[in-house]
Full PDB file with SEQRES, HELIX, SHEET, SSBOND, CRYST1, ORIGX, SCALE, CONECT and MASTER records, all heavy atoms in Angstrom:
SEQRES   1 A   31  ALA ARG ASP ARG GLU ARG ALA GLY ASP GLN SER ARG GLN          
SEQRES   2 A   31  GLY SER GLN SER VAL ARG ARG ALA LEU ASP LEU LEU SER          
SEQRES   3 A   31  LEU ILE ALA ALA TRP                                          
HELIX    1 AA1 ARG A    2  ALA A   30  1                                  29    
CRYST1    1.000    1.000    1.000  90.00  90.00  90.00 P 1           1          
ORIGX1      1.000000  0.000000  0.000000        0.00000                         
ORIGX2      0.000000  1.000000  0.000000        0.00000                         
ORIGX3      0.000000  0.000000  1.000000        0.00000                         
SCALE1      1.000000  0.000000  0.000000        0.00000                         
SCALE2      0.000000  1.000000  0.000000        0.00000                         
SCALE3      0.000000  0.000000  1.000000        0.00000                         
ATOM      1  N   ALA A   1      80.803  52.893 -54.454  1.00  0.00           N  
ATOM      2  CA  ALA A   1      81.686  51.832 -54.910  1.00  0.00           C  
ATOM      3  C   ALA A   1      82.319  52.249 -56.212  1.00  0.00           C  
ATOM      4  O   ALA A   1      83.538  52.008 -56.417  1.00  0.00           O  
ATOM      5  CB  ALA A   1      80.911  50.514 -55.093  1.00  0.00           C  
ATOM      6  N   ARG A   2      81.534  52.874 -57.076  1.00  0.00           N  
ATOM      7  CA  ARG A   2      82.119  53.345 -58.358  1.00  0.00           C  
ATOM      8  C   ARG A   2      83.163  54.397 -58.068  1.00  0.00           C  
ATOM      9  O   ARG A   2      84.191  54.468 -58.744  1.00  0.00           O  
ATOM     10  CB  ARG A   2      80.975  53.865 -59.250  1.00  0.00           C  
ATOM     11  CG  ARG A   2      80.134  52.766 -59.854  1.00  0.00           C  
ATOM     12  CD  ARG A   2      79.146  53.339 -60.827  1.00  0.00           C  
ATOM     13  NE  ARG A   2      78.316  52.252 -61.411  1.00  0.00           N  
ATOM     14  CZ  ARG A   2      77.304  52.515 -62.230  1.00  0.00           C  
ATOM     15  NH1 ARG A   2      76.987  53.755 -62.605  1.00  0.00           N  
ATOM     16  NH2 ARG A   2      76.631  51.513 -62.746  1.00  0.00           N  
ATOM     17  N   ASP A   3      82.926  55.309 -57.155  1.00  0.00           N  
ATOM     18  CA  ASP A   3      83.887  56.410 -56.829  1.00  0.00           C  
ATOM     19  C   ASP A   3      85.175  55.793 -56.341  1.00  0.00           C  
ATOM     20  O   ASP A   3      86.268  56.269 -56.736  1.00  0.00           O  
ATOM     21  CB  ASP A   3      83.312  57.334 -55.773  1.00  0.00           C  
ATOM     22  CG  ASP A   3      82.113  58.208 -56.365  1.00  0.00           C  
ATOM     23  OD1 ASP A   3      82.065  58.259 -57.613  1.00  0.00           O  
ATOM     24  OD2 ASP A   3      81.381  58.731 -55.541  1.00  0.00           O  
ATOM     25  N   ARG A   4      85.082  54.793 -55.437  1.00  0.00           N  
ATOM     26  CA  ARG A   4      86.299  54.126 -54.949  1.00  0.00           C  
ATOM     27  C   ARG A   4      87.078  53.425 -56.039  1.00  0.00           C  
ATOM     28  O   ARG A   4      88.298  53.490 -56.140  1.00  0.00           O  
ATOM     29  CB  ARG A   4      85.930  53.139 -53.853  1.00  0.00           C  
ATOM     30  CG  ARG A   4      85.488  53.829 -52.503  1.00  0.00           C  
ATOM     31  CD  ARG A   4      85.524  52.840 -51.364  1.00  0.00           C  
ATOM     32  NE  ARG A   4      84.576  51.791 -51.604  1.00  0.00           N  
ATOM     33  CZ  ARG A   4      83.340  51.790 -51.127  1.00  0.00           C  
ATOM     34  NH1 ARG A   4      82.859  52.879 -50.507  1.00  0.00           N  
ATOM     35  NH2 ARG A   4      82.501  50.800 -51.310  1.00  0.00           N  
ATOM     36  N   GLU A   5      86.331  52.785 -56.966  1.00  0.00           N  
ATOM     37  CA  GLU A   5      86.966  52.071 -58.072  1.00  0.00           C  
ATOM     38  C   GLU A   5      87.669  53.082 -59.007  1.00  0.00           C  
ATOM     39  O   GLU A   5      88.789  52.860 -59.465  1.00  0.00           O  
ATOM     40  CB  GLU A   5      85.887  51.291 -58.859  1.00  0.00           C  
ATOM     41  CG  GLU A   5      86.502  50.469 -59.999  1.00  0.00           C  
ATOM     42  CD  GLU A   5      85.419  49.632 -60.708  1.00  0.00           C  
ATOM     43  OE1 GLU A   5      84.321  49.508 -60.191  1.00  0.00           O  
ATOM     44  OE2 GLU A   5      85.845  49.088 -61.760  1.00  0.00           O  
ATOM     45  N   ARG A   6      86.951  54.249 -59.259  1.00  0.00           N  
ATOM     46  CA  ARG A   6      87.595  55.217 -60.121  1.00  0.00           C  
ATOM     47  C   ARG A   6      88.811  55.827 -59.438  1.00  0.00           C  
ATOM     48  O   ARG A   6      89.846  56.016 -60.104  1.00  0.00           O  
ATOM     49  CB  ARG A   6      86.563  56.337 -60.358  1.00  0.00           C  
ATOM     50  CG  ARG A   6      87.049  57.401 -61.422  1.00  0.00           C  
ATOM     51  CD  ARG A   6      85.955  58.442 -61.654  1.00  0.00           C  
ATOM     52  NE  ARG A   6      84.708  57.892 -62.216  1.00  0.00           N  
ATOM     53  CZ  ARG A   6      83.652  57.808 -61.493  1.00  0.00           C  
ATOM     54  NH1 ARG A   6      83.536  58.309 -60.242  1.00  0.00           N  
ATOM     55  NH2 ARG A   6      82.503  57.265 -61.989  1.00  0.00           N  
ATOM     56  N   ALA A   7      88.737  56.054 -58.157  1.00  0.00           N  
ATOM     57  CA  ALA A   7      89.925  56.569 -57.448  1.00  0.00           C  
ATOM     58  C   ALA A   7      91.065  55.584 -57.428  1.00  0.00           C  
ATOM     59  O   ALA A   7      92.234  55.958 -57.615  1.00  0.00           O  
ATOM     60  CB  ALA A   7      89.555  56.917 -55.920  1.00  0.00           C  
ATOM     61  N   GLY A   8      90.761  54.272 -57.326  1.00  0.00           N  
ATOM     62  CA  GLY A   8      91.800  53.262 -57.387  1.00  0.00           C  
ATOM     63  C   GLY A   8      92.471  53.249 -58.759  1.00  0.00           C  
ATOM     64  O   GLY A   8      93.687  53.050 -58.847  1.00  0.00           O  
ATOM     65  N   ASP A   9      91.654  53.329 -59.803  1.00  0.00           N  
ATOM     66  CA  ASP A   9      92.182  53.350 -61.194  1.00  0.00           C  
ATOM     67  C   ASP A   9      93.120  54.546 -61.412  1.00  0.00           C  
ATOM     68  O   ASP A   9      94.202  54.442 -61.989  1.00  0.00           O  
ATOM     69  CB  ASP A   9      91.067  53.419 -62.220  1.00  0.00           C  
ATOM     70  CG  ASP A   9      90.320  52.114 -62.294  1.00  0.00           C  
ATOM     71  OD1 ASP A   9      90.843  51.034 -61.805  1.00  0.00           O  
ATOM     72  OD2 ASP A   9      89.147  52.135 -62.797  1.00  0.00           O  
ATOM     73  N   GLN A  10      92.708  55.751 -60.854  1.00  0.00           N  
ATOM     74  CA  GLN A  10      93.507  56.937 -61.049  1.00  0.00           C  
ATOM     75  C   GLN A  10      94.811  56.788 -60.235  1.00  0.00           C  
ATOM     76  O   GLN A  10      95.888  57.237 -60.698  1.00  0.00           O  
ATOM     77  CB  GLN A  10      92.763  58.165 -60.547  1.00  0.00           C  
ATOM     78  CG  GLN A  10      91.560  58.525 -61.417  1.00  0.00           C  
ATOM     79  CD  GLN A  10      90.719  59.621 -60.858  1.00  0.00           C  
ATOM     80  OE1 GLN A  10      90.824  59.936 -59.599  1.00  0.00           O  
ATOM     81  NE2 GLN A  10      89.883  60.246 -61.642  1.00  0.00           N  
ATOM     82  N   SER A  11      94.781  56.136 -59.075  1.00  0.00           N  
ATOM     83  CA  SER A  11      95.979  55.955 -58.256  1.00  0.00           C  
ATOM     84  C   SER A  11      96.954  55.072 -59.007  1.00  0.00           C  
ATOM     85  O   SER A  11      98.148  55.277 -59.047  1.00  0.00           O  
ATOM     86  CB  SER A  11      95.613  55.382 -56.894  1.00  0.00           C  
ATOM     87  OG  SER A  11      96.761  55.120 -56.135  1.00  0.00           O  
ATOM     88  N   ARG A  12      96.429  53.932 -59.598  1.00  0.00           N  
ATOM     89  CA  ARG A  12      97.261  53.014 -60.303  1.00  0.00           C  
ATOM     90  C   ARG A  12      97.853  53.657 -61.552  1.00  0.00           C  
ATOM     91  O   ARG A  12      99.041  53.468 -61.867  1.00  0.00           O  
ATOM     92  CB  ARG A  12      96.494  51.784 -60.729  1.00  0.00           C  
ATOM     93  CG  ARG A  12      96.252  50.787 -59.557  1.00  0.00           C  
ATOM     94  CD  ARG A  12      95.667  49.458 -60.077  1.00  0.00           C  
ATOM     95  NE  ARG A  12      94.319  49.661 -60.546  1.00  0.00           N  
ATOM     96  CZ  ARG A  12      93.212  49.609 -59.839  1.00  0.00           C  
ATOM     97  NH1 ARG A  12      93.312  49.353 -58.534  1.00  0.00           N  
ATOM     98  NH2 ARG A  12      92.015  49.765 -60.342  1.00  0.00           N  
ATOM     99  N   GLN A  13      97.132  54.488 -62.228  1.00  0.00           N  
ATOM    100  CA  GLN A  13      97.618  55.192 -63.370  1.00  0.00           C  
ATOM    101  C   GLN A  13      98.701  56.212 -63.027  1.00  0.00           C  
ATOM    102  O   GLN A  13      99.710  56.352 -63.717  1.00  0.00           O  
ATOM    103  CB  GLN A  13      96.479  55.922 -64.149  1.00  0.00           C  
ATOM    104  CG  GLN A  13      95.498  54.943 -64.835  1.00  0.00           C  
ATOM    105  CD  GLN A  13      94.265  55.631 -65.367  1.00  0.00           C  
ATOM    106  OE1 GLN A  13      94.151  56.864 -65.178  1.00  0.00           O  
ATOM    107  NE2 GLN A  13      93.359  54.931 -65.966  1.00  0.00           N  
ATOM    108  N   GLY A  14      98.469  56.866 -61.908  1.00  0.00           N  
ATOM    109  CA  GLY A  14      99.479  57.794 -61.413  1.00  0.00           C  
ATOM    110  C   GLY A  14     100.770  57.146 -61.034  1.00  0.00           C  
ATOM    111  O   GLY A  14     101.880  57.561 -61.399  1.00  0.00           O  
ATOM    112  N   SER A  15     100.653  55.941 -60.373  1.00  0.00           N  
ATOM    113  CA  SER A  15     101.900  55.215 -60.027  1.00  0.00           C  
ATOM    114  C   SER A  15     102.624  54.717 -61.258  1.00  0.00           C  
ATOM    115  O   SER A  15     103.869  54.723 -61.327  1.00  0.00           O  
ATOM    116  CB  SER A  15     101.541  53.982 -59.140  1.00  0.00           C  
ATOM    117  OG  SER A  15     100.972  54.426 -57.886  1.00  0.00           O  
ATOM    118  N   GLN A  16     101.886  54.287 -62.266  1.00  0.00           N  
ATOM    119  CA  GLN A  16     102.463  53.776 -63.487  1.00  0.00           C  
ATOM    120  C   GLN A  16     103.184  54.958 -64.166  1.00  0.00           C  
ATOM    121  O   GLN A  16     104.312  54.745 -64.720  1.00  0.00           O  
ATOM    122  CB  GLN A  16     101.375  53.200 -64.396  1.00  0.00           C  
ATOM    123  CG  GLN A  16     101.966  52.577 -65.687  1.00  0.00           C  
ATOM    124  CD  GLN A  16     100.841  52.091 -66.626  1.00  0.00           C  
ATOM    125  OE1 GLN A  16      99.942  52.825 -66.951  1.00  0.00           O  
ATOM    126  NE2 GLN A  16     100.986  50.847 -66.997  1.00  0.00           N  
ATOM    127  N   SER A  17     102.601  56.123 -64.165  1.00  0.00           N  
ATOM    128  CA  SER A  17     103.278  57.278 -64.801  1.00  0.00           C  
ATOM    129  C   SER A  17     104.555  57.657 -64.135  1.00  0.00           C  
ATOM    130  O   SER A  17     105.577  57.987 -64.756  1.00  0.00           O  
ATOM    131  CB  SER A  17     102.323  58.483 -64.807  1.00  0.00           C  
ATOM    132  OG  SER A  17     101.177  58.291 -65.632  1.00  0.00           O  
ATOM    133  N   VAL A  18     104.559  57.523 -62.750  1.00  0.00           N  
ATOM    134  CA  VAL A  18     105.763  57.869 -62.072  1.00  0.00           C  
ATOM    135  C   VAL A  18     106.861  56.861 -62.403  1.00  0.00           C  
ATOM    136  O   VAL A  18     108.023  57.277 -62.621  1.00  0.00           O  
ATOM    137  CB  VAL A  18     105.459  57.858 -60.527  1.00  0.00           C  
ATOM    138  CG1 VAL A  18     106.775  57.961 -59.742  1.00  0.00           C  
ATOM    139  CG2 VAL A  18     104.600  59.022 -60.161  1.00  0.00           C  
ATOM    140  N   ARG A  19     106.505  55.580 -62.346  1.00  0.00           N  
ATOM    141  CA  ARG A  19     107.527  54.553 -62.704  1.00  0.00           C  
ATOM    142  C   ARG A  19     108.073  54.744 -64.122  1.00  0.00           C  
ATOM    143  O   ARG A  19     109.280  54.612 -64.328  1.00  0.00           O  
ATOM    144  CB  ARG A  19     106.880  53.144 -62.592  1.00  0.00           C  
ATOM    145  CG  ARG A  19     106.626  52.701 -61.169  1.00  0.00           C  
ATOM    146  CD  ARG A  19     106.364  51.227 -61.067  1.00  0.00           C  
ATOM    147  NE  ARG A  19     105.219  50.836 -61.867  1.00  0.00           N  
ATOM    148  CZ  ARG A  19     103.973  50.804 -61.356  1.00  0.00           C  
ATOM    149  NH1 ARG A  19     103.785  51.145 -60.115  1.00  0.00           N  
ATOM    150  NH2 ARG A  19     102.956  50.437 -62.073  1.00  0.00           N  
ATOM    151  N   ARG A  20     107.166  55.061 -65.077  1.00  0.00           N  
ATOM    152  CA  ARG A  20     107.603  55.277 -66.472  1.00  0.00           C  
ATOM    153  C   ARG A  20     108.554  56.494 -66.569  1.00  0.00           C  
ATOM    154  O   ARG A  20     109.565  56.393 -67.282  1.00  0.00           O  
ATOM    155  CB  ARG A  20     106.411  55.438 -67.369  1.00  0.00           C  
ATOM    156  CG  ARG A  20     105.677  54.142 -67.649  1.00  0.00           C  
ATOM    157  CD  ARG A  20     104.440  54.436 -68.477  1.00  0.00           C  
ATOM    158  NE  ARG A  20     103.846  53.210 -68.984  1.00  0.00           N  
ATOM    159  CZ  ARG A  20     102.709  53.170 -69.687  1.00  0.00           C  
ATOM    160  NH1 ARG A  20     102.033  54.278 -69.947  1.00  0.00           N  
ATOM    161  NH2 ARG A  20     102.197  52.001 -70.116  1.00  0.00           N  
ATOM    162  N   ALA A  21     108.188  57.541 -65.839  1.00  0.00           N  
ATOM    163  CA  ALA A  21     109.081  58.729 -65.880  1.00  0.00           C  
ATOM    164  C   ALA A  21     110.422  58.438 -65.305  1.00  0.00           C  
ATOM    165  O   ALA A  21     111.441  58.900 -65.870  1.00  0.00           O  
ATOM    166  CB  ALA A  21     108.353  59.895 -65.152  1.00  0.00           C  
ATOM    167  N   LEU A  22     110.451  57.742 -64.196  1.00  0.00           N  
ATOM    168  CA  LEU A  22     111.727  57.384 -63.559  1.00  0.00           C  
ATOM    169  C   LEU A  22     112.576  56.498 -64.442  1.00  0.00           C  
ATOM    170  O   LEU A  22     113.802  56.615 -64.540  1.00  0.00           O  
ATOM    171  CB  LEU A  22     111.531  56.755 -62.204  1.00  0.00           C  
ATOM    172  CG  LEU A  22     110.937  57.701 -61.099  1.00  0.00           C  
ATOM    173  CD1 LEU A  22     110.641  56.917 -59.856  1.00  0.00           C  
ATOM    174  CD2 LEU A  22     111.878  58.850 -60.857  1.00  0.00           C  
ATOM    175  N   ASP A  23     111.912  55.578 -65.170  1.00  0.00           N  
ATOM    176  CA  ASP A  23     112.648  54.679 -66.081  1.00  0.00           C  
ATOM    177  C   ASP A  23     113.261  55.511 -67.268  1.00  0.00           C  
ATOM    178  O   ASP A  23     114.321  55.233 -67.685  1.00  0.00           O  
ATOM    179  CB  ASP A  23     111.659  53.607 -66.654  1.00  0.00           C  
ATOM    180  CG  ASP A  23     111.337  52.504 -65.631  1.00  0.00           C  
ATOM    181  OD1 ASP A  23     112.078  52.437 -64.620  1.00  0.00           O  
ATOM    182  OD2 ASP A  23     110.402  51.812 -65.784  1.00  0.00           O  
ATOM    183  N   LEU A  24     112.461  56.475 -67.704  1.00  0.00           N  
ATOM    184  CA  LEU A  24     112.970  57.339 -68.812  1.00  0.00           C  
ATOM    185  C   LEU A  24     114.148  58.163 -68.252  1.00  0.00           C  
ATOM    186  O   LEU A  24     115.072  58.377 -69.009  1.00  0.00           O  
ATOM    187  CB  LEU A  24     111.858  58.277 -69.333  1.00  0.00           C  
ATOM    188  CG  LEU A  24     110.717  57.650 -70.155  1.00  0.00           C  
ATOM    189  CD1 LEU A  24     109.863  58.730 -70.739  1.00  0.00           C  
ATOM    190  CD2 LEU A  24     111.215  56.666 -71.121  1.00  0.00           C  
ATOM    191  N   LEU A  25     114.108  58.635 -67.070  1.00  0.00           N  
ATOM    192  CA  LEU A  25     115.241  59.387 -66.515  1.00  0.00           C  
ATOM    193  C   LEU A  25     116.475  58.477 -66.483  1.00  0.00           C  
ATOM    194  O   LEU A  25     117.586  58.971 -66.799  1.00  0.00           O  
ATOM    195  CB  LEU A  25     114.847  59.911 -65.097  1.00  0.00           C  
ATOM    196  CG  LEU A  25     115.873  60.836 -64.427  1.00  0.00           C  
ATOM    197  CD1 LEU A  25     116.087  62.109 -65.262  1.00  0.00           C  
ATOM    198  CD2 LEU A  25     115.398  61.200 -63.009  1.00  0.00           C  
ATOM    199  N   SER A  26     116.296  57.258 -66.033  1.00  0.00           N  
ATOM    200  CA  SER A  26     117.456  56.309 -66.059  1.00  0.00           C  
ATOM    201  C   SER A  26     117.942  56.044 -67.453  1.00  0.00           C  
ATOM    202  O   SER A  26     119.222  55.998 -67.722  1.00  0.00           O  
ATOM    203  CB  SER A  26     117.074  54.983 -65.425  1.00  0.00           C  
ATOM    204  OG  SER A  26     116.756  55.152 -64.063  1.00  0.00           O  
ATOM    205  N   LEU A  27     117.012  55.993 -68.403  1.00  0.00           N  
ATOM    206  CA  LEU A  27     117.399  55.768 -69.822  1.00  0.00           C  
ATOM    207  C   LEU A  27     118.215  56.950 -70.341  1.00  0.00           C  
ATOM    208  O   LEU A  27     119.256  56.738 -70.950  1.00  0.00           O  
ATOM    209  CB  LEU A  27     116.142  55.550 -70.665  1.00  0.00           C  
ATOM    210  CG  LEU A  27     116.375  55.392 -72.143  1.00  0.00           C  
ATOM    211  CD1 LEU A  27     117.156  54.138 -72.468  1.00  0.00           C  
ATOM    212  CD2 LEU A  27     115.011  55.316 -72.831  1.00  0.00           C  
ATOM    213  N   ILE A  28     117.751  58.171 -70.119  1.00  0.00           N  
ATOM    214  CA  ILE A  28     118.541  59.340 -70.546  1.00  0.00           C  
ATOM    215  C   ILE A  28     119.833  59.447 -69.882  1.00  0.00           C  
ATOM    216  O   ILE A  28     120.866  59.747 -70.536  1.00  0.00           O  
ATOM    217  CB  ILE A  28     117.762  60.607 -70.212  1.00  0.00           C  
ATOM    218  CG1 ILE A  28     116.411  60.630 -71.022  1.00  0.00           C  
ATOM    219  CG2 ILE A  28     118.494  61.847 -70.523  1.00  0.00           C  
ATOM    220  CD1 ILE A  28     116.536  60.658 -72.467  1.00  0.00           C  
ATOM    221  N   ALA A  29     119.962  59.003 -68.584  1.00  0.00           N  
ATOM    222  CA  ALA A  29     121.239  59.043 -67.902  1.00  0.00           C  
ATOM    223  C   ALA A  29     122.202  58.119 -68.544  1.00  0.00           C  
ATOM    224  O   ALA A  29     123.399  58.474 -68.675  1.00  0.00           O  
ATOM    225  CB  ALA A  29     121.028  58.679 -66.457  1.00  0.00           C  
ATOM    226  N   ALA A  30     121.772  56.973 -69.042  1.00  0.00           N  
ATOM    227  CA  ALA A  30     122.598  56.014 -69.696  1.00  0.00           C  
ATOM    228  C   ALA A  30     123.160  56.557 -70.998  1.00  0.00           C  
ATOM    229  O   ALA A  30     124.279  56.140 -71.436  1.00  0.00           O  
ATOM    230  CB  ALA A  30     121.901  54.685 -69.881  1.00  0.00           C  
ATOM    231  N   TRP A  31     122.413  57.411 -71.657  1.00  0.00           N  
ATOM    232  CA  TRP A  31     122.814  57.945 -72.935  1.00  0.00           C  
ATOM    233  C   TRP A  31     123.354  59.343 -72.894  1.00  0.00           C  
ATOM    234  O   TRP A  31     123.698  59.932 -73.885  1.00  0.00           O  
ATOM    235  CB  TRP A  31     121.619  57.890 -73.927  1.00  0.00           C  
ATOM    236  CG  TRP A  31     121.277  56.550 -74.407  1.00  0.00           C  
ATOM    237  CD1 TRP A  31     120.571  55.578 -73.866  1.00  0.00           C  
ATOM    238  CD2 TRP A  31     121.750  55.989 -75.683  1.00  0.00           C  
ATOM    239  NE1 TRP A  31     120.545  54.407 -74.590  1.00  0.00           N  
ATOM    240  CE2 TRP A  31     121.275  54.640 -75.775  1.00  0.00           C  
ATOM    241  CE3 TRP A  31     122.603  56.451 -76.695  1.00  0.00           C  
ATOM    242  CZ2 TRP A  31     121.530  53.839 -76.823  1.00  0.00           C  
ATOM    243  CZ3 TRP A  31     122.822  55.604 -77.738  1.00  0.00           C  
ATOM    244  CH2 TRP A  31     122.307  54.334 -77.819  1.00  0.00           C  
TER     245      TRP A  31                                                      
MASTER        0    0    0    1    0    0    0    6  244    1    0    3          
END                                                                             
């Protein structure tokens, strides 16, 4: 159960990083 929870946390963190990176790419494009 702990392994699944840890894997879920890592997946959410990875998704958040991807979204943030794409948002930064849009920000740079605007400037």
